[in-house]
């Protein structure tokens, strides 16, 4: 793993993480979405609710998963997937891991001389995007509820061990690059992203 180029992408929901990650994949990176891994667990764990993959339910699932299987459980699964691809002869420029939310994930990336990107967008912009791009298993929320649920991921909460919680403030503080995505024009974000990929990925 020491010789593998690793790029991590973090940011609040609907900031543009997936779009940026897709560009890295097109550039030859193998990609794993930590959010996709977590959503599968949340859909199963909260299957009896109308919004199993709401931010609140994803947060609860993440805390439960990390507490029962280790703080680095999602990271280990991502590395396992990458190693399986390598074993069958796939060759990649590097690995991009997105929806990074925990200190242990950031520390791993930086310890392996990787880059950590924080994608920034305002609450209002992201809330608007959330209402127009609802995933199956999500329900529309007010801006106030949107922000309240996200606060659960921003700083460790009481009554849950700190080491197993998401801490997006840590991810942002230790990012090596920041990419702002407040513009409604997708082409503007794509241009910014391509410039950053040229710096990091080539």
N, C-alpha and C. Protein backbone atom coordinates (compact mmCIF):
# COMPACT_ATOMS: atom_id res chain seq x y z
N UNK A 1 0.82 -1.21 0.00
CA UNK A 1 0.00 0.00 0.00
C UNK A 1 0.86 1.26 0.00
N UNK A 2 2.14 1.11 0.40
CA UNK A 2 3.01 2.27 0.50
C UNK A 2 3.21 2.95 -0.85
N UNK A 3 3.22 2.16 -1.92
CA UNK A 3 3.50 2.73 -3.25
C UNK A 3 2.25 3.21 -3.97
N UNK A 4 1.08 3.02 -3.37
CA UNK A 4 -0.18 3.37 -4.02
C UNK A 4 -0.52 4.83 -3.72
N UNK A 5 -0.84 5.58 -4.75
CA UNK A 5 -1.28 6.96 -4.58
C UNK A 5 -2.70 6.95 -4.03
N UNK A 6 -2.92 7.59 -2.86
CA UNK A 6 -4.23 7.60 -2.24
C UNK A 6 -4.77 9.02 -2.16
N UNK A 7 -6.00 9.20 -2.60
CA UNK A 7 -6.68 10.49 -2.51
C UNK A 7 -7.96 10.29 -1.71
N UNK A 8 -8.15 11.11 -0.69
CA UNK A 8 -9.38 11.08 0.08
C UNK A 8 -10.21 12.32 -0.21
N UNK A 9 -11.51 12.16 -0.21
CA UNK A 9 -12.41 13.29 -0.44
C UNK A 9 -13.44 13.33 0.68
N UNK A 10 -13.55 14.49 1.32
CA UNK A 10 -14.53 14.68 2.37
C UNK A 10 -15.36 15.93 2.11
N UNK A 11 -16.46 16.04 2.81
CA UNK A 11 -17.34 17.19 2.65
C UNK A 11 -18.71 16.85 3.17
N UNK A 12 -19.51 17.86 3.42
CA UNK A 12 -20.87 17.63 3.88
C UNK A 12 -21.74 17.11 2.73
N UNK A 13 -22.90 16.52 3.04
CA UNK A 13 -23.76 15.99 1.99
C UNK A 13 -24.10 17.02 0.91
N UNK A 14 -24.07 16.55 -0.34
CA UNK A 14 -24.43 17.35 -1.51
C UNK A 14 -23.42 18.47 -1.80
N UNK A 15 -22.20 18.29 -1.33
CA UNK A 15 -21.17 19.30 -1.61
C UNK A 15 -20.53 19.09 -2.98
N UNK A 16 -20.58 17.85 -3.49
CA UNK A 16 -19.99 17.56 -4.80
C UNK A 16 -18.93 16.48 -4.75
N UNK A 17 -18.89 15.72 -3.67
CA UNK A 17 -17.87 14.68 -3.50
C UNK A 17 -17.94 13.62 -4.60
N UNK A 18 -19.15 13.15 -4.89
CA UNK A 18 -19.31 12.09 -5.89
C UNK A 18 -18.83 12.53 -7.26
N UNK A 19 -19.17 13.76 -7.63
CA UNK A 19 -18.76 14.28 -8.94
C UNK A 19 -17.26 14.34 -9.05
N UNK A 20 -16.60 14.84 -8.01
CA UNK A 20 -15.15 14.91 -8.02
C UNK A 20 -14.53 13.52 -8.08
N UNK A 21 -15.08 12.59 -7.30
CA UNK A 21 -14.55 11.22 -7.30
C UNK A 21 -14.68 10.57 -8.67
N UNK A 22 -15.79 10.80 -9.34
CA UNK A 22 -16.00 10.23 -10.68
C UNK A 22 -14.93 10.71 -11.66
N UNK A 23 -14.50 11.94 -11.50
CA UNK A 23 -13.45 12.48 -12.38
C UNK A 23 -12.11 11.80 -12.11
N UNK A 24 -11.83 11.52 -10.85
CA UNK A 24 -10.61 10.78 -10.53
C UNK A 24 -10.67 9.38 -11.11
N UNK A 25 -11.83 8.74 -11.05
CA UNK A 25 -12.00 7.40 -11.61
C UNK A 25 -11.79 7.42 -13.12
N UNK A 26 -12.34 8.42 -13.78
CA UNK A 26 -12.13 8.57 -15.22
C UNK A 26 -10.66 8.77 -15.55
N UNK A 27 -9.92 9.32 -14.60
CA UNK A 27 -8.49 9.59 -14.80
C UNK A 27 -7.63 8.36 -14.50
N UNK A 28 -8.26 7.25 -14.11
CA UNK A 28 -7.51 6.02 -13.91
C UNK A 28 -7.38 5.54 -12.48
N UNK A 29 -8.08 6.17 -11.56
CA UNK A 29 -8.06 5.75 -10.17
C UNK A 29 -9.16 4.70 -9.92
N UNK A 30 -8.89 3.82 -8.95
CA UNK A 30 -9.93 2.94 -8.46
C UNK A 30 -10.66 3.67 -7.35
N UNK A 31 -11.99 3.64 -7.34
CA UNK A 31 -12.75 4.43 -6.38
C UNK A 31 -13.63 3.59 -5.48
N UNK A 32 -13.70 4.00 -4.22
CA UNK A 32 -14.61 3.39 -3.26
C UNK A 32 -15.33 4.50 -2.50
N UNK A 33 -16.64 4.45 -2.50
CA UNK A 33 -17.44 5.40 -1.74
C UNK A 33 -17.73 4.84 -0.36
N UNK A 34 -17.19 5.50 0.68
CA UNK A 34 -17.49 5.07 2.04
C UNK A 34 -18.98 5.28 2.32
N UNK A 35 -19.56 6.29 1.68
CA UNK A 35 -20.99 6.54 1.84
C UNK A 35 -21.83 5.40 1.31
N UNK A 36 -21.44 4.83 0.17
CA UNK A 36 -22.19 3.70 -0.39
C UNK A 36 -22.14 2.49 0.53
N UNK A 37 -20.95 2.23 1.09
CA UNK A 37 -20.82 1.11 2.02
C UNK A 37 -21.73 1.31 3.22
N UNK A 38 -21.71 2.52 3.76
CA UNK A 38 -22.52 2.83 4.94
C UNK A 38 -24.01 2.80 4.63
N UNK A 39 -24.38 3.29 3.44
CA UNK A 39 -25.81 3.31 3.07
C UNK A 39 -26.39 1.90 3.04
N UNK A 40 -25.61 0.93 2.58
CA UNK A 40 -26.11 -0.45 2.54
C UNK A 40 -26.43 -0.96 3.94
N UNK A 41 -25.54 -0.66 4.88
CA UNK A 41 -25.79 -1.06 6.26
C UNK A 41 -27.01 -0.33 6.83
N UNK A 42 -27.13 0.97 6.51
CA UNK A 42 -28.24 1.77 7.04
C UNK A 42 -29.58 1.31 6.47
N UNK A 43 -29.60 0.95 5.19
CA UNK A 43 -30.86 0.46 4.59
C UNK A 43 -31.34 -0.79 5.31
N UNK A 44 -30.41 -1.65 5.68
CA UNK A 44 -30.78 -2.88 6.37
C UNK A 44 -31.16 -2.60 7.82
N UNK A 45 -30.36 -1.77 8.48
CA UNK A 45 -30.58 -1.52 9.91
C UNK A 45 -31.86 -0.72 10.16
N UNK A 46 -32.19 0.19 9.25
CA UNK A 46 -33.36 1.05 9.42
C UNK A 46 -34.43 0.78 8.35
N UNK A 47 -34.55 -0.49 7.97
CA UNK A 47 -35.46 -0.86 6.88
C UNK A 47 -36.92 -0.58 7.20
N UNK A 48 -37.24 -0.46 8.49
CA UNK A 48 -38.63 -0.24 8.89
C UNK A 48 -39.01 1.23 8.94
N UNK A 49 -38.10 2.11 8.52
CA UNK A 49 -38.36 3.54 8.57
C UNK A 49 -38.56 4.08 7.16
N UNK A 50 -39.27 5.21 7.02
CA UNK A 50 -39.49 5.78 5.68
C UNK A 50 -38.24 6.42 5.08
N UNK A 51 -37.25 6.71 5.94
CA UNK A 51 -36.04 7.38 5.46
C UNK A 51 -34.80 6.68 6.02
N UNK A 52 -34.57 5.42 5.64
CA UNK A 52 -33.47 4.65 6.24
C UNK A 52 -32.09 5.25 6.03
N UNK A 53 -31.91 6.05 4.97
CA UNK A 53 -30.57 6.62 4.74
C UNK A 53 -30.55 8.13 4.99
N UNK A 54 -31.42 8.60 5.88
CA UNK A 54 -31.32 10.00 6.29
C UNK A 54 -29.98 10.21 6.99
N UNK A 55 -29.54 11.45 7.10
CA UNK A 55 -28.27 11.74 7.76
C UNK A 55 -28.28 11.20 9.19
N UNK A 56 -29.42 11.38 9.89
CA UNK A 56 -29.52 10.90 11.27
C UNK A 56 -29.38 9.38 11.34
N UNK A 57 -30.03 8.65 10.44
CA UNK A 57 -29.96 7.20 10.45
C UNK A 57 -28.59 6.69 10.00
N UNK A 58 -27.98 7.40 9.05
CA UNK A 58 -26.63 7.04 8.62
C UNK A 58 -25.64 7.24 9.77
N UNK A 59 -25.83 8.32 10.53
CA UNK A 59 -24.93 8.60 11.65
C UNK A 59 -25.06 7.53 12.72
N UNK A 60 -26.30 7.16 13.04
CA UNK A 60 -26.52 6.12 14.04
C UNK A 60 -25.91 4.80 13.58
N UNK A 61 -26.09 4.48 12.31
CA UNK A 61 -25.54 3.24 11.77
C UNK A 61 -24.02 3.25 11.81
N UNK A 62 -23.43 4.37 11.45
CA UNK A 62 -21.98 4.47 11.47
C UNK A 62 -21.43 4.27 12.87
N UNK A 63 -22.04 4.93 13.85
CA UNK A 63 -21.58 4.78 15.23
C UNK A 63 -21.70 3.33 15.69
N UNK A 64 -22.82 2.70 15.38
CA UNK A 64 -23.03 1.29 15.75
C UNK A 64 -22.01 0.39 15.07
N UNK A 65 -21.79 0.61 13.78
CA UNK A 65 -20.89 -0.24 13.01
C UNK A 65 -19.45 -0.12 13.53
N UNK A 66 -19.02 1.11 13.77
CA UNK A 66 -17.65 1.33 14.24
C UNK A 66 -17.46 0.84 15.68
N UNK A 67 -18.51 0.94 16.49
CA UNK A 67 -18.40 0.51 17.87
C UNK A 67 -18.35 -1.01 17.96
N UNK A 68 -19.07 -1.70 17.08
CA UNK A 68 -19.13 -3.16 17.14
C UNK A 68 -18.03 -3.84 16.33
N UNK A 69 -17.52 -3.16 15.29
CA UNK A 69 -16.54 -3.80 14.41
C UNK A 69 -15.23 -3.03 14.28
N UNK A 70 -15.10 -1.93 15.00
CA UNK A 70 -13.85 -1.18 14.96
C UNK A 70 -14.00 0.14 14.21
N UNK A 71 -13.27 1.16 14.67
CA UNK A 71 -13.38 2.49 14.09
C UNK A 71 -12.98 2.52 12.62
N UNK A 72 -12.13 1.58 12.20
CA UNK A 72 -11.63 1.56 10.82
C UNK A 72 -12.33 0.52 9.96
N UNK A 73 -13.53 0.08 10.36
CA UNK A 73 -14.22 -1.00 9.64
C UNK A 73 -14.49 -0.65 8.18
N UNK A 74 -14.91 0.59 7.90
CA UNK A 74 -15.22 0.97 6.52
C UNK A 74 -13.94 1.11 5.71
N UNK A 75 -12.91 1.66 6.33
CA UNK A 75 -11.61 1.77 5.67
C UNK A 75 -11.08 0.39 5.29
N UNK A 76 -11.16 -0.56 6.21
CA UNK A 76 -10.68 -1.91 5.92
C UNK A 76 -11.43 -2.55 4.76
N UNK A 77 -12.74 -2.32 4.69
CA UNK A 77 -13.52 -2.88 3.59
C UNK A 77 -13.10 -2.25 2.26
N UNK A 78 -12.84 -0.96 2.25
CA UNK A 78 -12.40 -0.29 1.02
C UNK A 78 -11.05 -0.84 0.56
N UNK A 79 -10.13 -1.01 1.49
CA UNK A 79 -8.81 -1.55 1.14
C UNK A 79 -8.91 -2.98 0.65
N UNK A 80 -9.82 -3.75 1.25
CA UNK A 80 -10.03 -5.13 0.81
C UNK A 80 -10.50 -5.17 -0.64
N UNK A 81 -11.44 -4.29 -0.99
CA UNK A 81 -11.94 -4.24 -2.36
C UNK A 81 -10.83 -3.89 -3.34
N UNK A 82 -9.99 -2.93 -2.96
CA UNK A 82 -8.90 -2.51 -3.84
C UNK A 82 -7.89 -3.65 -4.02
N UNK A 83 -7.54 -4.32 -2.94
CA UNK A 83 -6.57 -5.41 -3.02
C UNK A 83 -7.10 -6.57 -3.86
N UNK A 84 -8.40 -6.83 -3.79
CA UNK A 84 -9.00 -7.88 -4.62
C UNK A 84 -8.86 -7.54 -6.09
N UNK A 85 -9.06 -6.28 -6.44
CA UNK A 85 -8.90 -5.85 -7.83
C UNK A 85 -7.45 -6.02 -8.28
N UNK A 86 -6.51 -5.69 -7.42
CA UNK A 86 -5.10 -5.83 -7.77
C UNK A 86 -4.71 -7.29 -7.97
N UNK A 87 -5.28 -8.17 -7.17
CA UNK A 87 -4.94 -9.60 -7.24
C UNK A 87 -5.29 -10.20 -8.59
N UNK A 88 -6.35 -9.69 -9.23
CA UNK A 88 -6.76 -10.25 -10.53
C UNK A 88 -6.16 -9.47 -11.69
N UNK A 89 -5.17 -8.63 -11.39
CA UNK A 89 -4.39 -8.00 -12.45
C UNK A 89 -4.81 -6.61 -12.87
N UNK A 90 -5.78 -6.02 -12.19
CA UNK A 90 -6.17 -4.66 -12.55
C UNK A 90 -5.09 -3.67 -12.14
N UNK A 91 -4.85 -2.71 -13.01
CA UNK A 91 -3.80 -1.72 -12.76
C UNK A 91 -4.44 -0.33 -12.71
N UNK A 92 -4.18 0.39 -11.65
CA UNK A 92 -4.78 1.71 -11.46
C UNK A 92 -3.71 2.75 -11.16
N UNK A 93 -4.02 3.99 -11.48
CA UNK A 93 -3.12 5.09 -11.18
C UNK A 93 -3.02 5.32 -9.68
N UNK A 94 -4.07 4.98 -8.98
CA UNK A 94 -4.13 5.15 -7.53
C UNK A 94 -5.50 4.78 -7.03
N UNK A 95 -5.80 5.19 -5.82
CA UNK A 95 -7.08 4.87 -5.21
C UNK A 95 -7.71 6.15 -4.66
N UNK A 96 -8.99 6.38 -5.00
CA UNK A 96 -9.71 7.52 -4.46
C UNK A 96 -10.80 7.01 -3.52
N UNK A 97 -10.77 7.52 -2.30
CA UNK A 97 -11.73 7.13 -1.27
C UNK A 97 -12.56 8.36 -0.94
N UNK A 98 -13.87 8.26 -1.12
CA UNK A 98 -14.65 9.46 -0.84
C UNK A 98 -15.76 9.22 0.18
N UNK A 99 -16.28 10.35 0.68
CA UNK A 99 -17.15 10.37 1.85
C UNK A 99 -16.36 10.00 3.11
N UNK A 100 -15.15 10.52 3.18
CA UNK A 100 -14.32 10.35 4.37
C UNK A 100 -14.96 11.15 5.50
N UNK A 101 -15.17 10.48 6.65
CA UNK A 101 -15.87 11.15 7.75
C UNK A 101 -15.22 10.95 9.11
N UNK A 102 -14.20 10.12 9.21
CA UNK A 102 -13.65 9.78 10.52
C UNK A 102 -12.16 10.08 10.60
N UNK A 103 -11.68 10.48 11.77
CA UNK A 103 -10.25 10.76 11.94
C UNK A 103 -9.34 9.61 11.54
N UNK A 104 -9.74 8.37 11.86
CA UNK A 104 -8.89 7.23 11.55
C UNK A 104 -8.67 7.11 10.05
N UNK A 105 -9.66 7.51 9.26
CA UNK A 105 -9.54 7.45 7.80
C UNK A 105 -8.60 8.54 7.28
N UNK A 106 -8.73 9.74 7.84
CA UNK A 106 -7.84 10.84 7.46
C UNK A 106 -6.40 10.50 7.83
N UNK A 107 -6.21 10.00 9.04
CA UNK A 107 -4.86 9.68 9.51
C UNK A 107 -4.19 8.64 8.63
N UNK A 108 -4.97 7.65 8.18
CA UNK A 108 -4.41 6.61 7.30
C UNK A 108 -3.95 7.21 5.98
N UNK A 109 -4.78 8.05 5.40
CA UNK A 109 -4.44 8.66 4.10
C UNK A 109 -3.19 9.52 4.21
N UNK A 110 -3.13 10.36 5.23
CA UNK A 110 -1.98 11.26 5.38
C UNK A 110 -0.72 10.48 5.76
N UNK A 111 -0.87 9.41 6.55
CA UNK A 111 0.29 8.59 6.92
C UNK A 111 0.90 7.90 5.71
N UNK A 112 0.08 7.69 4.67
CA UNK A 112 0.56 7.07 3.44
C UNK A 112 0.86 8.11 2.37
N UNK A 113 1.12 9.34 2.83
CA UNK A 113 1.52 10.45 1.95
C UNK A 113 0.48 10.74 0.87
N UNK A 114 -0.79 10.53 1.23
CA UNK A 114 -1.87 10.82 0.30
C UNK A 114 -2.35 12.26 0.41
N UNK A 115 -3.31 12.60 -0.41
CA UNK A 115 -3.92 13.93 -0.40
C UNK A 115 -5.34 13.83 0.12
N UNK A 116 -5.74 14.82 0.92
CA UNK A 116 -7.07 14.86 1.49
C UNK A 116 -7.77 16.13 1.01
N UNK A 117 -8.85 15.96 0.25
CA UNK A 117 -9.57 17.08 -0.34
C UNK A 117 -10.85 17.33 0.44
N UNK A 118 -11.10 18.57 0.80
CA UNK A 118 -12.37 18.97 1.42
C UNK A 118 -13.17 19.74 0.38
N UNK A 119 -14.38 19.27 0.07
CA UNK A 119 -15.26 19.96 -0.88
C UNK A 119 -16.24 20.81 -0.08
N UNK A 120 -16.23 22.09 -0.33
CA UNK A 120 -16.99 23.06 0.47
C UNK A 120 -18.16 23.63 -0.33
N UNK A 121 -19.33 23.68 0.30
CA UNK A 121 -20.50 24.34 -0.29
C UNK A 121 -21.38 24.82 0.86
N UNK A 122 -22.09 25.90 0.67
CA UNK A 122 -22.89 26.48 1.75
C UNK A 122 -24.07 25.59 2.12
N UNK A 123 -24.59 25.79 3.33
CA UNK A 123 -25.75 25.01 3.78
C UNK A 123 -26.93 25.20 2.84
N UNK A 124 -27.17 26.44 2.43
CA UNK A 124 -28.32 26.75 1.58
C UNK A 124 -28.21 26.08 0.22
N UNK A 125 -27.03 26.12 -0.36
CA UNK A 125 -26.81 25.49 -1.67
C UNK A 125 -26.99 23.98 -1.58
N UNK A 126 -26.41 23.38 -0.55
CA UNK A 126 -26.50 21.93 -0.40
C UNK A 126 -27.92 21.47 -0.09
N UNK A 127 -28.63 22.25 0.71
CA UNK A 127 -30.02 21.89 1.02
C UNK A 127 -30.87 21.93 -0.24
N UNK A 128 -30.67 22.93 -1.05
CA UNK A 128 -31.41 23.03 -2.31
C UNK A 128 -31.13 21.82 -3.20
N UNK A 129 -29.87 21.42 -3.27
CA UNK A 129 -29.51 20.24 -4.05
C UNK A 129 -30.16 18.98 -3.48
N UNK A 130 -30.22 18.90 -2.15
CA UNK A 130 -30.79 17.71 -1.53
C UNK A 130 -32.26 17.53 -1.88
N UNK A 131 -32.97 18.64 -2.03
CA UNK A 131 -34.39 18.57 -2.34
C UNK A 131 -34.65 18.17 -3.80
N UNK A 132 -33.71 18.48 -4.67
CA UNK A 132 -33.90 18.18 -6.09
C UNK A 132 -33.23 16.87 -6.51
N UNK A 133 -32.44 16.26 -5.60
CA UNK A 133 -31.76 15.01 -5.92
C UNK A 133 -31.89 14.02 -4.76
N UNK A 134 -33.11 13.72 -4.39
CA UNK A 134 -33.34 12.78 -3.29
C UNK A 134 -33.02 11.35 -3.73
N UNK A 135 -32.26 10.64 -2.88
CA UNK A 135 -32.02 9.23 -3.13
C UNK A 135 -33.21 8.42 -2.60
N UNK A 136 -33.36 7.21 -3.10
CA UNK A 136 -34.37 6.31 -2.56
C UNK A 136 -33.99 6.01 -1.11
N UNK A 137 -34.91 6.26 -0.20
CA UNK A 137 -34.61 6.06 1.21
C UNK A 137 -34.35 7.36 1.94
N UNK A 138 -34.45 8.49 1.23
CA UNK A 138 -34.33 9.81 1.84
C UNK A 138 -35.68 10.50 1.78
N UNK A 139 -35.89 11.42 2.69
CA UNK A 139 -37.13 12.22 2.71
C UNK A 139 -36.74 13.69 2.75
N UNK A 140 -37.53 14.56 2.12
CA UNK A 140 -37.20 16.00 2.15
C UNK A 140 -37.26 16.54 3.58
N UNK A 141 -36.39 17.50 3.87
CA UNK A 141 -36.36 18.12 5.19
C UNK A 141 -36.32 19.64 5.03
N UNK A 142 -36.62 20.33 6.11
CA UNK A 142 -36.42 21.78 6.13
C UNK A 142 -34.93 22.06 6.25
N UNK A 143 -34.53 23.28 5.96
CA UNK A 143 -33.14 23.66 6.11
C UNK A 143 -32.68 23.48 7.55
N UNK A 144 -33.55 23.83 8.50
CA UNK A 144 -33.20 23.72 9.92
C UNK A 144 -32.95 22.26 10.31
N UNK A 145 -33.82 21.35 9.84
CA UNK A 145 -33.64 19.93 10.15
C UNK A 145 -32.42 19.38 9.43
N UNK A 146 -32.20 19.82 8.22
CA UNK A 146 -31.03 19.44 7.43
C UNK A 146 -29.76 19.76 8.22
N UNK A 147 -29.67 20.95 8.75
CA UNK A 147 -28.51 21.40 9.51
C UNK A 147 -28.40 20.66 10.85
N UNK A 148 -29.55 20.40 11.49
CA UNK A 148 -29.54 19.71 12.77
C UNK A 148 -28.98 18.30 12.63
N UNK A 149 -29.41 17.59 11.60
CA UNK A 149 -28.92 16.24 11.40
C UNK A 149 -27.43 16.23 11.07
N UNK A 150 -27.00 17.18 10.28
CA UNK A 150 -25.58 17.23 9.91
C UNK A 150 -24.68 17.53 11.11
N UNK A 151 -25.22 18.25 12.08
CA UNK A 151 -24.44 18.57 13.27
C UNK A 151 -24.01 17.30 14.00
N UNK A 152 -24.74 16.20 13.81
CA UNK A 152 -24.41 14.93 14.44
C UNK A 152 -23.09 14.37 13.91
N UNK A 153 -22.71 14.79 12.70
CA UNK A 153 -21.48 14.30 12.10
C UNK A 153 -20.33 15.31 12.22
N UNK A 154 -20.65 16.52 12.64
CA UNK A 154 -19.65 17.57 12.62
C UNK A 154 -18.69 17.49 13.80
N UNK A 155 -19.22 17.16 14.96
CA UNK A 155 -18.42 17.01 16.17
C UNK A 155 -18.89 15.77 16.93
N UNK A 156 -18.01 15.08 17.65
CA UNK A 156 -18.44 13.92 18.44
C UNK A 156 -19.57 14.27 19.40
N UNK A 157 -20.52 13.35 19.52
CA UNK A 157 -21.69 13.53 20.37
C UNK A 157 -21.49 12.85 21.72
N UNK A 158 -22.18 13.30 22.76
CA UNK A 158 -22.07 12.65 24.07
C UNK A 158 -22.68 11.25 24.06
N UNK A 159 -22.25 10.44 25.00
CA UNK A 159 -22.80 9.10 25.24
C UNK A 159 -22.40 8.06 24.20
N UNK A 160 -21.50 8.45 23.26
CA UNK A 160 -20.96 7.49 22.30
C UNK A 160 -19.44 7.65 22.31
N UNK A 161 -18.68 6.56 22.36
CA UNK A 161 -17.22 6.68 22.39
C UNK A 161 -16.69 7.56 21.25
N UNK A 162 -15.84 8.51 21.59
CA UNK A 162 -15.33 9.47 20.60
C UNK A 162 -14.63 8.76 19.44
N UNK A 163 -13.88 7.70 19.74
CA UNK A 163 -13.06 7.07 18.71
C UNK A 163 -13.88 6.39 17.62
N UNK A 164 -15.18 6.16 17.83
CA UNK A 164 -15.98 5.50 16.81
C UNK A 164 -16.88 6.47 16.05
N UNK A 165 -16.86 7.73 16.42
CA UNK A 165 -17.77 8.69 15.82
C UNK A 165 -17.18 9.38 14.59
N UNK A 166 -18.08 9.86 13.75
CA UNK A 166 -17.67 10.72 12.65
C UNK A 166 -17.31 12.09 13.20
N UNK A 167 -16.35 12.73 12.54
CA UNK A 167 -15.90 14.05 12.99
C UNK A 167 -15.46 14.84 11.75
N UNK A 168 -16.45 15.44 11.09
CA UNK A 168 -16.16 16.15 9.84
C UNK A 168 -15.32 17.40 10.07
N UNK A 169 -15.37 17.96 11.27
CA UNK A 169 -14.51 19.10 11.55
C UNK A 169 -13.04 18.69 11.48
N UNK A 170 -12.73 17.48 11.91
CA UNK A 170 -11.37 16.94 11.83
C UNK A 170 -10.96 16.75 10.37
N UNK A 171 -11.88 16.21 9.58
CA UNK A 171 -11.60 15.99 8.15
C UNK A 171 -11.26 17.32 7.47
N UNK A 172 -12.07 18.33 7.75
CA UNK A 172 -11.85 19.64 7.14
C UNK A 172 -10.54 20.26 7.61
N UNK A 173 -10.27 20.18 8.91
CA UNK A 173 -9.07 20.79 9.47
C UNK A 173 -7.79 20.19 8.91
N UNK A 174 -7.81 18.91 8.59
CA UNK A 174 -6.59 18.24 8.12
C UNK A 174 -6.54 18.05 6.60
N UNK A 175 -7.49 18.65 5.90
CA UNK A 175 -7.47 18.56 4.43
C UNK A 175 -6.24 19.27 3.87
N UNK A 176 -5.66 18.70 2.84
CA UNK A 176 -4.51 19.31 2.18
C UNK A 176 -4.94 20.21 1.02
N UNK A 177 -6.20 20.07 0.60
CA UNK A 177 -6.75 20.90 -0.48
C UNK A 177 -8.23 21.19 -0.16
N UNK A 178 -8.70 22.37 -0.56
CA UNK A 178 -10.11 22.72 -0.44
C UNK A 178 -10.65 23.12 -1.80
N UNK A 179 -11.80 22.59 -2.15
CA UNK A 179 -12.45 22.88 -3.42
C UNK A 179 -13.84 23.44 -3.14
N UNK A 180 -14.08 24.69 -3.55
CA UNK A 180 -15.36 25.34 -3.27
C UNK A 180 -16.34 25.07 -4.40
N UNK A 181 -17.56 24.69 -4.04
CA UNK A 181 -18.57 24.31 -5.05
C UNK A 181 -19.92 24.95 -4.72
N UNK A 182 -19.97 26.27 -4.73
CA UNK A 182 -21.21 26.99 -4.48
C UNK A 182 -21.93 27.41 -5.75
N UNK A 183 -21.30 27.21 -6.88
CA UNK A 183 -21.86 27.68 -8.14
C UNK A 183 -22.90 26.70 -8.67
N UNK A 184 -23.97 27.22 -9.25
CA UNK A 184 -24.99 26.37 -9.87
C UNK A 184 -24.56 25.82 -11.22
N UNK A 185 -23.49 26.37 -11.75
CA UNK A 185 -22.99 25.95 -13.05
C UNK A 185 -22.03 24.77 -12.87
N UNK A 186 -22.45 23.57 -13.29
CA UNK A 186 -21.64 22.39 -13.11
C UNK A 186 -20.30 22.51 -13.83
N UNK A 187 -20.29 23.17 -14.98
CA UNK A 187 -19.05 23.30 -15.74
C UNK A 187 -17.96 24.01 -14.95
N UNK A 188 -18.36 24.97 -14.12
CA UNK A 188 -17.38 25.69 -13.31
C UNK A 188 -16.71 24.74 -12.33
N UNK A 189 -17.52 23.90 -11.68
CA UNK A 189 -16.96 22.93 -10.72
C UNK A 189 -16.10 21.90 -11.44
N UNK A 190 -16.52 21.47 -12.61
CA UNK A 190 -15.73 20.49 -13.36
C UNK A 190 -14.37 21.07 -13.74
N UNK A 191 -14.34 22.33 -14.11
CA UNK A 191 -13.07 22.96 -14.46
C UNK A 191 -12.14 23.06 -13.25
N UNK A 192 -12.70 23.45 -12.10
CA UNK A 192 -11.90 23.51 -10.88
C UNK A 192 -11.38 22.11 -10.52
N UNK A 193 -12.23 21.12 -10.67
CA UNK A 193 -11.86 19.76 -10.32
C UNK A 193 -10.74 19.25 -11.21
N UNK A 194 -10.85 19.50 -12.50
CA UNK A 194 -9.82 19.05 -13.44
C UNK A 194 -8.47 19.67 -13.12
N UNK A 195 -8.47 20.92 -12.73
CA UNK A 195 -7.21 21.58 -12.37
C UNK A 195 -6.58 20.90 -11.16
N UNK A 196 -7.42 20.58 -10.17
CA UNK A 196 -6.90 19.93 -8.97
C UNK A 196 -6.40 18.52 -9.28
N UNK A 197 -7.11 17.80 -10.12
CA UNK A 197 -6.68 16.44 -10.51
C UNK A 197 -5.35 16.50 -11.23
N UNK A 198 -5.16 17.52 -12.04
CA UNK A 198 -3.88 17.68 -12.74
C UNK A 198 -2.73 17.88 -11.75
N UNK A 199 -3.01 18.56 -10.65
CA UNK A 199 -2.00 18.79 -9.64
C UNK A 199 -1.71 17.53 -8.84
N UNK A 200 -2.78 16.82 -8.46
CA UNK A 200 -2.65 15.67 -7.56
C UNK A 200 -2.37 14.37 -8.30
N UNK A 201 -3.13 14.12 -9.35
CA UNK A 201 -3.17 12.79 -9.94
C UNK A 201 -2.18 12.49 -11.04
N UNK A 202 -1.47 13.49 -11.48
CA UNK A 202 -0.58 13.21 -12.63
C UNK A 202 0.87 13.49 -12.29
